[in-house]
Amino acid sequence: MLMLLIGIAASAQQKNKNAKYDIAVSGNCDMCKKRIEKAAFAIPGVKSAQWHADDQILHVILNEEKTSAEKVAAGIAKAGHDAGGIRAADADYNALHGCCQYERKAP
């Protein structure tokens, strides 16, 4: 009985190697799409990343043993796009091409 409980506790602490997350990411166009997805794939552990302009959502599959949704959002914010509640630095946002400068919400 004790071995069964230890086995269950150990398996409950394992991280998902194919965790799915939806992250809100601001952007406008196909250039944004390429930049957002490239920034996501630059994070080790990201297996899939697809951003859709119509709903402003990045659908990502990642290995939780290597990264987290928060790290992915932070990487995208460094590329200039507000993501998952993380606001891009003004310098990163201002470096975006004119058509990629989406309307930002007040901090």
Protein backbone atom coordinates (compact mmCIF):
# COMPACT_ATOMS: atom_id res chain seq x y z
CA MET A 1 0.00 0.00 0.00
CA LEU A 2 2.82 2.41 0.91
CA MET A 3 4.62 1.69 -2.39
CA LEU A 4 1.44 2.46 -4.30
CA LEU A 5 1.09 5.85 -2.58
CA ILE A 6 4.75 6.70 -3.22
CA GLY A 7 4.31 5.79 -6.90
CA ILE A 8 1.22 7.95 -7.24
CA ALA A 9 2.91 10.91 -5.52
CA ALA A 10 5.98 10.63 -7.74
CA SER A 11 3.94 10.50 -10.95
CA ALA A 12 1.85 13.50 -9.88
CA GLN A 13 4.99 15.65 -9.69
CA GLN A 14 6.15 14.84 -13.21
CA LYS A 15 5.94 17.68 -15.66
CA ASN A 16 4.11 17.37 -18.96
CA LYS A 17 6.33 17.00 -22.02
CA ASN A 18 3.51 18.10 -24.34
CA ALA A 19 1.72 20.81 -22.36
CA LYS A 20 -0.65 23.02 -24.37
CA TYR A 21 -1.06 26.71 -23.58
CA ASP A 22 -2.86 29.64 -25.18
CA ILE A 23 -1.06 32.95 -24.64
CA ALA A 24 -2.57 36.31 -25.55
CA VAL A 25 -0.06 38.14 -27.78
CA SER A 26 -0.63 41.56 -29.36
CA GLY A 27 0.23 42.06 -33.02
CA ASN A 28 -1.17 43.06 -36.41
CA CYS A 29 0.18 41.32 -39.48
CA ASP A 30 2.13 38.48 -41.08
CA MET A 31 5.43 40.11 -40.10
CA CYS A 32 4.21 40.03 -36.50
CA LYS A 33 3.25 36.37 -36.90
CA LYS A 34 6.74 35.45 -38.09
CA ARG A 35 8.42 37.46 -35.31
CA ILE A 36 6.17 36.08 -32.56
CA GLU A 37 6.56 32.46 -33.67
CA LYS A 38 10.33 32.87 -34.12
CA ALA A 39 10.64 34.30 -30.61
CA ALA A 40 8.61 31.40 -29.21
CA PHE A 41 10.70 28.77 -31.00
CA ALA A 42 13.88 30.43 -29.68
CA ILE A 43 12.89 29.27 -26.18
CA PRO A 44 14.31 25.77 -25.54
CA GLY A 45 11.48 23.32 -24.95
CA VAL A 46 8.93 24.89 -27.30
CA LYS A 47 7.68 22.22 -29.71
CA SER A 48 4.95 24.09 -31.58
CA ALA A 49 3.90 27.73 -31.83
CA GLN A 50 1.13 29.19 -33.98
CA TRP A 51 -0.09 32.77 -33.64
CA HIS A 52 -3.36 33.94 -35.18
CA ALA A 53 -3.96 37.64 -35.86
CA ASP A 54 -7.73 37.31 -35.77
CA ASP A 55 -7.90 36.23 -32.12
CA GLN A 56 -4.46 37.49 -30.95
CA ILE A 57 -3.68 34.09 -29.40
CA LEU A 58 -0.47 32.06 -29.58
CA HIS A 59 -1.17 28.34 -29.37
CA VAL A 60 1.95 26.69 -28.00
CA ILE A 61 3.01 23.17 -27.08
CA LEU A 62 6.00 22.97 -24.77
CA ASN A 63 7.98 20.62 -22.59
CA GLU A 64 7.40 21.75 -19.00
CA GLU A 65 10.66 20.08 -17.97
CA LYS A 66 12.53 22.65 -20.06
CA THR A 67 10.41 25.82 -20.01
CA SER A 68 7.14 27.44 -18.98
CA ALA A 69 4.44 29.57 -20.57
CA GLU A 70 5.79 32.53 -18.57
CA LYS A 71 9.26 32.13 -20.13
CA VAL A 72 7.71 31.96 -23.58
CA ALA A 73 5.73 35.16 -22.92
CA ALA A 74 8.87 36.89 -21.63
CA GLY A 75 10.78 35.92 -24.79
CA ILE A 76 8.02 37.27 -27.00
CA ALA A 77 7.91 40.51 -24.98
CA LYS A 78 11.65 40.94 -25.67
CA ALA A 79 10.77 40.77 -29.37
CA GLY A 80 8.44 43.77 -28.90
CA HIS A 81 5.03 42.18 -28.43
CA ASP A 82 2.97 42.35 -25.23
CA ALA A 83 2.37 38.72 -24.26
CA GLY A 84 0.62 36.88 -21.48
CA GLY A 85 0.38 39.90 -19.21
CA ILE A 86 4.03 40.87 -19.80
CA ARG A 87 4.39 44.29 -21.38
CA ALA A 88 7.18 44.70 -23.91
CA ALA A 89 9.77 47.33 -23.08
CA ASP A 90 9.06 50.63 -24.85
CA ALA A 91 12.39 50.41 -26.71
CA ASP A 92 11.53 46.93 -28.03
CA TYR A 93 8.02 48.02 -29.04
CA ASN A 94 9.33 51.19 -30.74
CA ALA A 95 11.82 49.09 -32.74
CA LEU A 96 8.94 47.27 -34.47
CA HIS A 97 8.10 48.15 -38.07
CA GLY A 98 5.34 50.79 -38.32
CA CYS A 99 2.65 48.34 -39.43
CA CYS A 100 3.52 46.07 -36.49
CA GLN A 101 3.00 48.75 -33.86
CA TYR A 102 -0.33 47.62 -32.48
CA GLU A 103 -2.49 49.77 -30.21
CA ARG A 104 -1.14 49.27 -26.69
CA LYS A 105 -3.27 49.21 -23.59
CA ALA A 106 -2.33 51.54 -20.73
CA PRO A 107 -0.05 49.86 -18.15
